Amino acid sequence: MVATEVFDKLRELQDILARKNQLDMEILEAPQLLVKQEELLARYKTNYIKKNTDDEAIRQTIGTLKAELFETEQRREKAEKSMDGITTQREYDALDREIQEATKREAELRKEILKNESAHKRLDEEIKNEEAMIRQQEQELDERKAVIEAEITHKKEELAALAEGEKHLTPDLDSDTLFKFDRIIKNKQGVGIVPVQGSVCMGCHMILSAQFAIEVREGKKIMYCPYCSRILYYQESDEDSAEDMVFDDMDMGSLADLDDSNDYDGADEDSSDD
C-alpha cells in the first residue's frame, strides 16, 4: 500500500513545484516589462537623429544663402560704383539692369535666410526637448532595470531555497512518478495531486469507474486520473451524487501531461500493473 507519507510528500512537493514554475515564468517575463519603455526611448532617439539631420541641412542652406547674398551685394556695389564712369546710354542701361536684378535677388535671399533661420530656431528648441526626454527616459529605464534585476535576484534566491526543499522530499520518491508529477504541475495550474471523494475525481469532477475508485481507495500504487492525469488519493467524505458533479472540460484529453509522447496508454495501464 502507498504510504500516507508519500501523499503528504507529494502535496508538499506540489507547493514547491508550483512556486518554482511561477518564479521561472516571472523571471522569463520580467524583461518584457521594459519593452514599452525601450520602444518609447527608441522613438525619441529616432526623432532626435532625424531632427538633427534636418537641422544640419538647414544650417548648410543658410550658409549657402549667406554666401550668395554676399556675392550679390558685392556685384551690386561694384555696378553702383561703375555708374560714375559710364559714357553711353547702353552702358547705363546695362548697369542699371544689373543693379536692379541684384537688389531684387538680395531681397529674395534675405527672405529665404529669415525663413530658414526661423526653422533652425524651431528645430533647435525641439532638439533640446528631445534631449531632455531622452535623458529622462534613460534614467527611468535604468531605475526600472535596477528594480527588475533586484527582483530577479530575489526570485533566484527563492528558487535556490525551493530546490533545497525539493531535495529533502524527493529521495524516497520514484523518479518516473516525479517526472510525471512535474509535468502535471506545469500543465494543471500547479495542482498535481487531488483527492477522490466517493467515486469522483476532485480535480476534474469526473465520475470514475467503481473498480478504479476501489483501487484508488486500496492505495496499492500511485494512480492517475484517466481524465485529468492528476495523481489521486482517497479521501473520506459523503459521496456526492453524479447529478451534483460539475465537469471541468478544460481537463479533458490531458493524459499527455504524464509523458513527452502522445502514445501513453493512460491511467488504465497504471491501474493494471503492479
Protein backbone atom coordinates (compact mmCIF):
# COMPACT_ATOMS: atom_id res chain seq x y z
CA MET A 1 0.00 0.00 0.00
CA VAL A 2 1.20 3.51 -0.85
CA ALA A 3 2.13 5.12 2.44
CA THR A 4 0.27 8.21 3.58
CA GLU A 5 3.70 9.75 3.97
CA VAL A 6 4.17 9.56 0.18
CA PHE A 7 0.98 11.50 -0.48
CA ASP A 8 1.98 14.02 2.19
CA LYS A 9 5.33 14.49 0.46
CA LEU A 10 3.66 14.85 -2.92
CA ARG A 11 1.32 17.53 -1.58
CA GLU A 12 4.26 19.38 -0.07
CA LEU A 13 6.25 18.92 -3.27
CA GLN A 14 3.27 20.23 -5.22
CA ASP A 15 3.54 23.59 -3.46
CA ILE A 16 7.28 23.75 -4.16
CA LEU A 17 6.99 22.82 -7.84
CA ALA A 18 4.08 25.19 -8.42
CA ARG A 19 6.01 28.06 -6.85
CA LYS A 20 9.13 27.18 -8.86
CA ASN A 21 7.14 27.22 -12.09
CA GLN A 22 5.63 30.57 -11.15
CA LEU A 23 9.04 32.04 -10.36
CA ASP A 24 10.56 30.67 -13.57
CA MET A 25 7.77 32.29 -15.58
CA GLU A 26 8.13 35.61 -13.76
CA ILE A 27 11.88 35.63 -14.36
CA LEU A 28 11.33 34.81 -18.03
CA GLU A 29 8.71 37.52 -18.46
CA ALA A 30 10.48 40.20 -16.40
CA PRO A 31 12.41 41.75 -19.34
CA GLN A 32 9.11 42.18 -21.20
CA LEU A 33 8.13 44.79 -18.62
CA LEU A 34 10.81 47.04 -20.11
CA VAL A 35 9.76 46.66 -23.74
CA LYS A 36 7.37 49.62 -23.86
CA GLN A 37 9.85 51.94 -22.19
CA GLU A 38 12.62 50.77 -24.51
CA GLU A 39 10.37 51.30 -27.55
CA LEU A 40 9.49 54.81 -26.36
CA LEU A 41 13.16 55.63 -25.82
CA ALA A 42 13.98 54.28 -29.30
CA ARG A 43 11.32 56.56 -30.83
CA TYR A 44 12.74 59.58 -29.02
CA LYS A 45 16.23 58.75 -30.27
CA THR A 46 14.99 58.23 -33.84
CA ASN A 47 13.22 61.60 -33.78
CA TYR A 48 16.32 63.19 -32.26
CA ILE A 49 18.56 61.88 -35.03
CA LYS A 50 16.11 62.94 -37.75
CA LYS A 51 15.73 66.45 -36.35
CA ASN A 52 19.48 66.84 -36.05
CA THR A 53 19.86 65.73 -39.66
CA ASP A 54 17.17 68.19 -40.77
CA ASP A 55 18.75 70.96 -38.72
CA GLU A 56 22.18 70.30 -40.22
CA ALA A 57 20.67 70.56 -43.72
CA ILE A 58 19.01 73.87 -42.80
CA ARG A 59 22.25 75.28 -41.39
CA GLN A 60 24.06 74.32 -44.59
CA THR A 61 21.31 76.01 -46.62
CA ILE A 62 21.64 79.16 -44.51
CA GLY A 63 25.40 79.17 -45.11
CA THR A 64 24.89 78.79 -48.87
CA LEU A 65 22.29 81.56 -48.97
CA LYS A 66 24.50 83.96 -46.98
CA ALA A 67 27.42 83.28 -49.30
CA GLU A 68 25.24 84.02 -52.32
CA LEU A 69 23.90 87.17 -50.63
CA PHE A 70 27.44 88.40 -50.02
CA GLU A 71 28.38 87.83 -53.67
CA THR A 72 25.19 89.55 -54.85
CA GLU A 73 25.84 92.57 -52.60
CA GLN A 74 29.40 92.78 -53.91
CA ARG A 75 28.18 92.66 -57.52
CA ARG A 76 25.59 95.37 -56.88
CA GLU A 77 28.05 97.66 -55.12
CA LYS A 78 30.55 97.20 -57.93
CA ALA A 79 27.88 98.11 -60.50
CA GLU A 80 26.86 101.17 -58.49
CA LYS A 81 30.47 102.40 -58.41
CA SER A 82 30.79 101.82 -62.12
CA MET A 83 27.93 104.25 -62.74
CA ASP A 84 30.31 107.17 -62.25
CA GLY A 85 32.44 106.16 -65.24
CA ILE A 86 29.79 105.32 -67.86
CA THR A 87 29.86 107.24 -71.15
CA THR A 88 26.95 105.77 -73.11
CA GLN A 89 23.26 105.12 -72.60
CA ARG A 90 23.78 101.45 -73.37
CA GLU A 91 26.31 101.14 -70.56
CA TYR A 92 23.96 102.95 -68.21
CA ASP A 93 21.02 100.68 -69.07
CA ALA A 94 23.11 97.54 -68.59
CA LEU A 95 24.46 98.64 -65.22
CA ASP A 96 21.04 99.81 -64.07
CA ARG A 97 19.50 96.45 -65.00
CA GLU A 98 22.30 94.63 -63.16
CA ILE A 99 21.77 96.77 -60.05
CA GLN A 100 18.00 96.18 -60.06
CA GLU A 101 18.39 92.42 -60.53
CA ALA A 102 20.95 92.26 -57.74
CA THR A 103 18.74 94.30 -55.43
CA LYS A 104 15.78 92.01 -56.15
CA ARG A 105 17.91 88.92 -55.57
CA GLU A 106 19.21 90.33 -52.29
CA ALA A 107 15.63 90.74 -51.04
CA GLU A 108 14.78 87.17 -52.04
CA LEU A 109 17.89 85.81 -50.35
CA ARG A 110 17.24 87.71 -47.12
CA LYS A 111 13.70 86.37 -47.08
CA GLU A 112 14.95 82.80 -47.58
CA ILE A 113 17.57 83.26 -44.88
CA LEU A 114 14.99 84.50 -42.39
CA LYS A 115 12.70 81.59 -43.16
CA ASN A 116 15.48 79.05 -42.71
CA GLU A 117 16.74 80.72 -39.54
CA SER A 118 13.21 80.53 -38.12
CA ALA A 119 13.08 76.81 -38.98
CA HIS A 120 16.50 76.33 -37.41
CA LYS A 121 15.39 78.06 -34.21
CA ARG A 122 12.26 75.89 -34.01
CA LEU A 123 14.21 72.69 -34.61
CA ASP A 124 16.85 73.72 -32.09
CA GLU A 125 14.15 74.00 -29.41
CA GLU A 126 12.65 70.66 -30.39
CA ILE A 127 16.09 69.02 -30.29
CA LYS A 128 16.69 70.37 -26.79
CA ASN A 129 13.30 68.97 -25.71
CA GLU A 130 14.13 65.61 -27.28
CA GLU A 131 17.44 65.55 -25.42
CA ALA A 132 15.65 66.24 -22.13
CA MET A 133 13.08 63.50 -22.79
CA ILE A 134 15.80 61.04 -23.77
CA ARG A 135 17.71 61.74 -20.56
CA GLN A 136 14.52 61.32 -18.53
CA GLN A 137 13.58 58.06 -20.28
CA GLU A 138 17.10 56.69 -19.89
CA GLN A 139 17.06 57.49 -16.19
CA GLU A 140 13.62 55.91 -15.70
CA LEU A 141 14.67 52.87 -17.74
CA ASP A 142 17.87 52.43 -15.72
CA GLU A 143 15.90 52.71 -12.48
CA ARG A 144 13.31 50.21 -13.71
CA LYS A 145 16.05 47.81 -14.83
CA ALA A 146 17.67 48.04 -11.40
CA VAL A 147 14.35 47.22 -9.73
CA ILE A 148 13.71 44.28 -12.05
CA GLU A 149 17.25 42.95 -11.64
CA ALA A 150 16.84 43.11 -7.87
CA GLU A 151 13.51 41.29 -8.13
CA ILE A 152 15.06 38.63 -10.38
CA THR A 153 17.93 38.17 -7.91
CA HIS A 154 15.42 37.75 -5.08
CA LYS A 155 13.41 35.24 -7.13
CA LYS A 156 16.53 33.24 -7.96
CA GLU A 157 17.42 33.12 -4.27
CA GLU A 158 13.92 31.85 -3.54
CA LEU A 159 14.30 29.26 -6.32
CA ALA A 160 17.53 28.05 -4.72
CA ALA A 161 15.78 27.70 -1.37
CA LEU A 162 12.90 25.80 -3.01
CA ALA A 163 15.38 23.50 -4.74
CA GLU A 164 16.86 22.64 -1.35
CA GLY A 165 13.39 21.88 -0.02
CA GLU A 166 12.73 19.72 -3.07
CA LYS A 167 15.91 17.71 -2.43
CA HIS A 168 14.69 16.77 1.03
CA LEU A 169 11.39 15.46 -0.36
CA THR A 170 12.42 13.57 -3.50
CA PRO A 171 14.97 10.90 -2.41
CA ASP A 172 12.27 8.42 -1.37
CA LEU A 173 10.01 9.08 -4.36
CA ASP A 174 10.09 7.14 -7.63
CA SER A 175 11.88 9.05 -10.42
CA ASP A 176 9.21 8.21 -13.01
CA THR A 177 6.49 9.45 -10.67
CA LEU A 178 8.46 12.65 -10.04
CA PHE A 179 8.89 13.25 -13.77
CA LYS A 180 5.17 12.80 -14.45
CA PHE A 181 4.20 14.81 -11.39
CA ASP A 182 6.34 17.75 -12.50
CA ARG A 183 4.69 17.74 -15.95
CA ILE A 184 1.22 17.59 -14.41
CA ILE A 185 2.00 20.52 -12.11
CA LYS A 186 3.14 22.60 -15.11
CA ASN A 187 0.05 21.78 -17.15
CA LYS A 188 -2.58 21.92 -14.41
CA GLN A 189 -2.03 25.34 -12.89
CA GLY A 190 0.02 23.97 -10.02
CA VAL A 191 -2.40 21.24 -8.93
CA GLY A 192 -0.99 17.76 -9.47
CA ILE A 193 -2.49 15.66 -6.67
CA VAL A 194 -6.18 15.66 -5.73
CA PRO A 195 -8.50 13.52 -3.61
CA VAL A 196 -11.13 11.11 -4.78
CA GLN A 197 -14.36 11.54 -2.85
CA GLY A 198 -16.78 8.72 -3.35
CA SER A 199 -16.03 7.88 -6.97
CA VAL A 200 -15.38 11.44 -8.14
CA CYS A 201 -12.02 12.99 -9.01
CA MET A 202 -12.00 16.36 -7.25
CA GLY A 203 -9.59 17.74 -9.84
CA CYS A 204 -11.80 17.48 -12.92
CA HIS A 205 -15.03 16.36 -11.18
CA MET A 206 -15.40 13.37 -13.48
CA ILE A 207 -17.02 10.20 -12.12
CA LEU A 208 -14.56 7.33 -12.07
CA SER A 209 -15.48 3.70 -12.63
CA ALA A 210 -16.34 1.81 -9.45
CA GLN A 211 -13.40 -0.56 -9.87
CA PHE A 212 -10.97 2.30 -10.45
CA ALA A 213 -12.24 4.15 -7.36
CA ILE A 214 -11.80 0.97 -5.32
CA GLU A 215 -8.20 0.65 -6.48
CA VAL A 216 -7.53 4.27 -5.50
CA ARG A 217 -9.02 3.59 -2.09
CA GLU A 218 -6.91 0.46 -1.65
CA GLY A 219 -3.84 2.57 -2.35
CA LYS A 220 -1.64 -0.26 -3.62
CA LYS A 221 0.14 2.04 -6.06
CA ILE A 222 0.19 5.58 -7.45
CA MET A 223 -2.96 6.08 -9.54
CA TYR A 224 -3.60 8.76 -12.14
CA CYS A 225 -6.98 10.17 -13.11
CA PRO A 226 -7.83 8.87 -16.61
CA TYR A 227 -9.42 12.24 -17.42
CA CYS A 228 -7.14 14.95 -15.98
CA SER A 229 -3.97 12.93 -15.34
CA ARG A 230 -3.58 14.10 -11.75
CA ILE A 231 -2.36 11.76 -9.02
CA LEU A 232 -5.25 10.51 -6.91
CA TYR A 233 -5.60 9.59 -3.25
CA TYR A 234 -8.72 8.57 -1.40
CA GLN A 235 -10.41 10.99 0.99
CA GLU A 236 -13.31 10.01 3.20
CA SER A 237 -16.44 12.11 2.66
CA ASP A 238 -20.14 11.90 1.96
CA GLU A 239 -20.39 10.70 -1.61
CA ASP A 240 -21.96 13.32 -3.84
CA SER A 241 -24.49 12.28 -6.41
CA ALA A 242 -23.49 12.29 -10.05
CA GLU A 243 -26.06 14.97 -10.75
CA ASP A 244 -24.25 17.36 -8.41
CA MET A 245 -20.88 16.94 -10.11
CA VAL A 246 -19.63 19.70 -12.40
CA PHE A 247 -17.44 18.50 -15.26
CA ASP A 248 -14.45 20.73 -15.97
CA ASP A 249 -13.87 20.21 -19.72
CA MET A 250 -10.61 22.17 -19.50
CA ASP A 251 -9.10 18.98 -18.03
CA MET A 252 -10.19 16.58 -20.74
CA GLY A 253 -7.68 14.91 -23.03
CA SER A 254 -4.81 15.51 -20.65
CA LEU A 255 -3.04 12.16 -20.49
CA ALA A 256 -0.17 13.71 -22.48
CA ASP A 257 0.68 15.55 -19.24
CA LEU A 258 2.23 12.34 -17.99
CA ASP A 259 4.76 11.83 -20.74
CA ASP A 260 6.56 13.65 -23.58
CA SER A 261 4.88 11.43 -26.20
CA ASN A 262 1.21 11.12 -27.07
CA ASP A 263 1.24 7.31 -27.07
CA TYR A 264 0.90 7.00 -23.29
CA ASP A 265 -1.72 4.35 -22.57
CA GLY A 266 -3.29 6.36 -19.75
CA ALA A 267 -4.27 5.52 -16.25
CA ASP A 268 -5.62 2.10 -17.24
CA GLU A 269 -2.04 0.96 -17.75
CA ASP A 270 -1.05 2.35 -14.36
CA SER A 271 -4.00 0.78 -12.62
CA SER A 272 -3.44 -2.69 -14.09
CA ASP A 273 0.31 -3.03 -13.42
CA ASP A 274 1.69 -3.83 -10.00
